[in-house]
C-alpha atoms as a PDB file:
ATOM      1  CA  UNK A   1      83.630 108.804  83.834  1.00  0.00           C
ATOM      2  CA  UNK A   2      86.502 107.992  86.168  1.00  0.00           C
ATOM      3  CA  UNK A   3      88.505 104.880  86.622  1.00  0.00           C
ATOM      4  CA  UNK A   4      88.234 104.443  90.323  1.00  0.00           C
ATOM      5  CA  UNK A   5      89.359 100.896  91.063  1.00  0.00           C
ATOM      6  CA  UNK A   6      88.839  99.777  87.455  1.00  0.00           C
ATOM      7  CA  UNK A   7      90.980 101.139  84.641  1.00  0.00           C
ATOM      8  CA  UNK A   8      89.164  98.809  82.241  1.00  0.00           C
ATOM      9  CA  UNK A   9      88.559 101.461  79.614  1.00  0.00           C
ATOM     10  CA  UNK A  10      92.286 102.209  79.303  1.00  0.00           C
ATOM     11  CA  UNK A  11      94.264 100.349  76.685  1.00  0.00           C
ATOM     12  CA  UNK A  12      96.401  97.584  78.222  1.00  0.00           C
ATOM     13  CA  UNK A  13      99.633  99.005  79.609  1.00  0.00           C
ATOM     14  CA  UNK A  14      98.358 102.583  79.624  1.00  0.00           C
ATOM     15  CA  UNK A  15      98.190 102.855  83.412  1.00  0.00           C
ATOM     16  CA  UNK A  16     101.834 101.812  83.673  1.00  0.00           C
ATOM     17  CA  UNK A  17     102.748 104.393  81.009  1.00  0.00           C
ATOM     18  CA  UNK A  18     100.903 107.098  82.951  1.00  0.00           C
ATOM     19  CA  UNK A  19     102.653 106.127  86.192  1.00  0.00           C
ATOM     20  CA  UNK A  20     106.062 106.222  84.502  1.00  0.00           C
ATOM     21  CA  UNK A  21     105.225 109.673  83.131  1.00  0.00           C
ATOM     22  CA  UNK A  22     104.078 110.863  86.569  1.00  0.00           C
ATOM     23  CA  UNK A  23     107.433 109.775  88.005  1.00  0.00           C
ATOM     24  CA  UNK A  24     109.481 111.394  85.225  1.00  0.00           C
ATOM     25  CA  UNK A  25     109.501 114.716  87.109  1.00  0.00           C
ATOM     26  CA  UNK A  26     110.757 113.139  90.334  1.00  0.00           C
ATOM     27  CA  UNK A  27     109.883 110.805  93.197  1.00  0.00           C
ATOM     28  CA  UNK A  28     106.258 110.557  94.340  1.00  0.00           C
ATOM     29  CA  UNK A  29     104.383 108.452  96.833  1.00  0.00           C
ATOM     30  CA  UNK A  30     101.237 106.572  95.807  1.00  0.00           C
ATOM     31  CA  UNK A  31      98.825 109.351  96.721  1.00  0.00           C
ATOM     32  CA  UNK A  32     101.048 111.859  94.897  1.00  0.00           C
ATOM     33  CA  UNK A  33     100.880 109.740  91.737  1.00  0.00           C
ATOM     34  CA  UNK A  34      97.093 109.467  91.978  1.00  0.00           C
ATOM     35  CA  UNK A  35      96.729 113.218  92.531  1.00  0.00           C
ATOM     36  CA  UNK A  36      99.088 114.029  89.644  1.00  0.00           C
ATOM     37  CA  UNK A  37      97.035 111.858  87.273  1.00  0.00           C
ATOM     38  CA  UNK A  38      93.762 113.336  88.523  1.00  0.00           C
ATOM     39  CA  UNK A  39      94.877 116.969  88.286  1.00  0.00           C
ATOM     40  CA  UNK A  40      96.713 116.733  84.967  1.00  0.00           C
ATOM     41  CA  UNK A  41      93.783 114.846  83.393  1.00  0.00           C
ATOM     42  CA  UNK A  42      91.308 117.485  84.636  1.00  0.00           C
ATOM     43  CA  UNK A  43      89.604 114.927  86.914  1.00  0.00           C
ATOM     44  CA  UNK A  44      89.054 112.358  84.139  1.00  0.00           C
ATOM     45  CA  UNK A  45      91.550 109.802  85.470  1.00  0.00           C
ATOM     46  CA  UNK A  46      90.752 108.846  89.038  1.00  0.00           C
ATOM     47  CA  UNK A  47      92.900 105.814  89.748  1.00  0.00           C
ATOM     48  CA  UNK A  48      92.034 103.784  92.830  1.00  0.00           C
ATOM     49  CA  UNK A  49      94.482 101.991  95.091  1.00  0.00           C
ATOM     50  CA  UNK A  50      93.338  98.609  93.795  1.00  0.00           C
ATOM     51  CA  UNK A  51      94.598  99.557  90.327  1.00  0.00           C
ATOM     52  CA  UNK A  52      97.611 101.696  91.322  1.00  0.00           C
ATOM     53  CA  UNK A  53      99.501  99.407  93.669  1.00  0.00           C
ATOM     54  CA  UNK A  54      99.444  96.272  91.486  1.00  0.00           C
ATOM     55  CA  UNK A  55     100.689  98.437  88.574  1.00  0.00           C
ATOM     56  CA  UNK A  56     103.475  99.825  90.767  1.00  0.00           C
ATOM     57  CA  UNK A  57     104.412  96.271  91.766  1.00  0.00           C
ATOM     58  CA  UNK A  58     104.663  95.296  88.085  1.00  0.00           C
ATOM     59  CA  UNK A  59     106.894  98.327  87.428  1.00  0.00           C
ATOM     60  CA  UNK A  60     109.090  97.437  90.425  1.00  0.00           C
ATOM     61  CA  UNK A  61     109.441  93.846  89.202  1.00  0.00           C
ATOM     62  CA  UNK A  62     110.479  95.089  85.749  1.00  0.00           C
ATOM     63  CA  UNK A  63     113.121  97.339  87.316  1.00  0.00           C
ATOM     64  CA  UNK A  64     111.539 100.456  85.824  1.00  0.00           C
ATOM     65  CA  UNK A  65     110.917 102.057  89.219  1.00  0.00           C
ATOM     66  CA  UNK A  66     112.501 101.719  92.636  1.00  0.00           C
ATOM     67  CA  UNK A  67     110.933 102.427  96.009  1.00  0.00           C
ATOM     68  CA  UNK A  68     112.172 103.682  99.338  1.00  0.00           C
ATOM     69  CA  UNK A  69     110.541 104.859 102.527  1.00  0.00           C
ATOM     70  CA  UNK A  70     110.436 108.548 103.338  1.00  0.00           C
ATOM     71  CA  UNK A  71     108.319 111.153 105.106  1.00  0.00           C
ATOM     72  CA  UNK A  72     105.420 112.860 103.333  1.00  0.00           C
ATOM     73  CA  UNK A  73     104.487 116.548 103.497  1.00  0.00           C
ATOM     74  CA  UNK A  74     101.942 115.516 106.139  1.00  0.00           C
ATOM     75  CA  UNK A  75     104.850 114.169 108.229  1.00  0.00           C
ATOM     76  CA  UNK A  76     103.765 110.559 107.698  1.00  0.00           C
ATOM     77  CA  UNK A  77     105.807 107.583 106.611  1.00  0.00           C
ATOM     78  CA  UNK A  78     105.289 106.941 102.884  1.00  0.00           C
ATOM     79  CA  UNK A  79     106.862 104.803 100.196  1.00  0.00           C
ATOM     80  CA  UNK A  80     108.328 106.983  97.439  1.00  0.00           C
ATOM     81  CA  UNK A  81     108.676 105.641  93.917  1.00  0.00           C
ATOM     82  CA  UNK A  82     111.436 106.832  91.575  1.00  0.00           C
ATOM     83  CA  UNK A  83     111.952 106.215  87.883  1.00  0.00           C
ATOM     84  CA  UNK A  84     115.142 104.254  87.096  1.00  0.00           C
ATOM     85  CA  UNK A  85     117.320 104.714  84.010  1.00  0.00           C
ATOM     86  CA  UNK A  86     115.658 101.612  82.542  1.00  0.00           C
ATOM     87  CA  UNK A  87     112.278 103.169  83.374  1.00  0.00           C
ATOM     88  CA  UNK A  88     113.175 106.376  81.517  1.00  0.00           C
ATOM     89  CA  UNK A  89     114.129 104.312  78.470  1.00  0.00           C
ATOM     90  CA  UNK A  90     110.900 102.309  78.749  1.00  0.00           C
ATOM     91  CA  UNK A  91     108.855 105.506  79.088  1.00  0.00           C
ATOM     92  CA  UNK A  92     110.376 106.975  75.923  1.00  0.00           C
ATOM     93  CA  UNK A  93     109.665 103.811  73.931  1.00  0.00           C
ATOM     94  CA  UNK A  94     106.135 103.360  75.264  1.00  0.00           C
ATOM     95  CA  UNK A  95     105.268 107.017  74.750  1.00  0.00           C
ATOM     96  CA  UNK A  96     106.453 106.879  71.125  1.00  0.00           C
ATOM     97  CA  UNK A  97     104.406 103.714  70.510  1.00  0.00           C
ATOM     98  CA  UNK A  98     101.349 105.205  72.215  1.00  0.00           C
ATOM     99  CA  UNK A  99     101.623 108.363  70.081  1.00  0.00           C
ATOM    100  CA  UNK A 100     101.887 106.181  66.952  1.00  0.00           C
ATOM    101  CA  UNK A 101      98.769 104.196  67.916  1.00  0.00           C
ATOM    102  CA  UNK A 102      96.738 107.301  68.793  1.00  0.00           C
ATOM    103  CA  UNK A 103      97.722 108.828  65.442  1.00  0.00           C
ATOM    104  CA  UNK A 104      96.617 105.687  63.609  1.00  0.00           C
ATOM    105  CA  UNK A 105      93.274 105.638  65.443  1.00  0.00           C
ATOM    106  CA  UNK A 106      92.799 109.346  64.683  1.00  0.00           C
ATOM    107  CA  UNK A 107      93.517 108.659  60.980  1.00  0.00           C
ATOM    108  CA  UNK A 108      90.850 105.940  60.894  1.00  0.00           C
ATOM    109  CA  UNK A 109      88.270 108.111  62.678  1.00  0.00           C
ATOM    110  CA  UNK A 110      88.916 111.045  60.356  1.00  0.00           C
ATOM    111  CA  UNK A 111      88.843 108.991  57.144  1.00  0.00           C
ATOM    112  CA  UNK A 112      85.925 109.604  54.831  1.00  0.00           C
END
């Protein structure tokens, strides 16, 4: 099951968390973010443009990422997204909260 064009099975805010994490290693363009999520999730997360770009816009508006034009490996013009200092702080907080929630869900599922 992928999430092409509809990340509806993700918890709210999870796509933004995953994008922030993808940008933690350095700048990426949209396709680079999508490919990073696909490869690192072993093809489970297949984010479509209709989900990615609105999420990136939300992150830009929050000041958690910035964007600038550059040239891709394919020698094409591409917008590169970079995590800001505020974005790194947000990522740390969201990742800690996500880990706490996953642990709580795991506790409930493993309870007898």
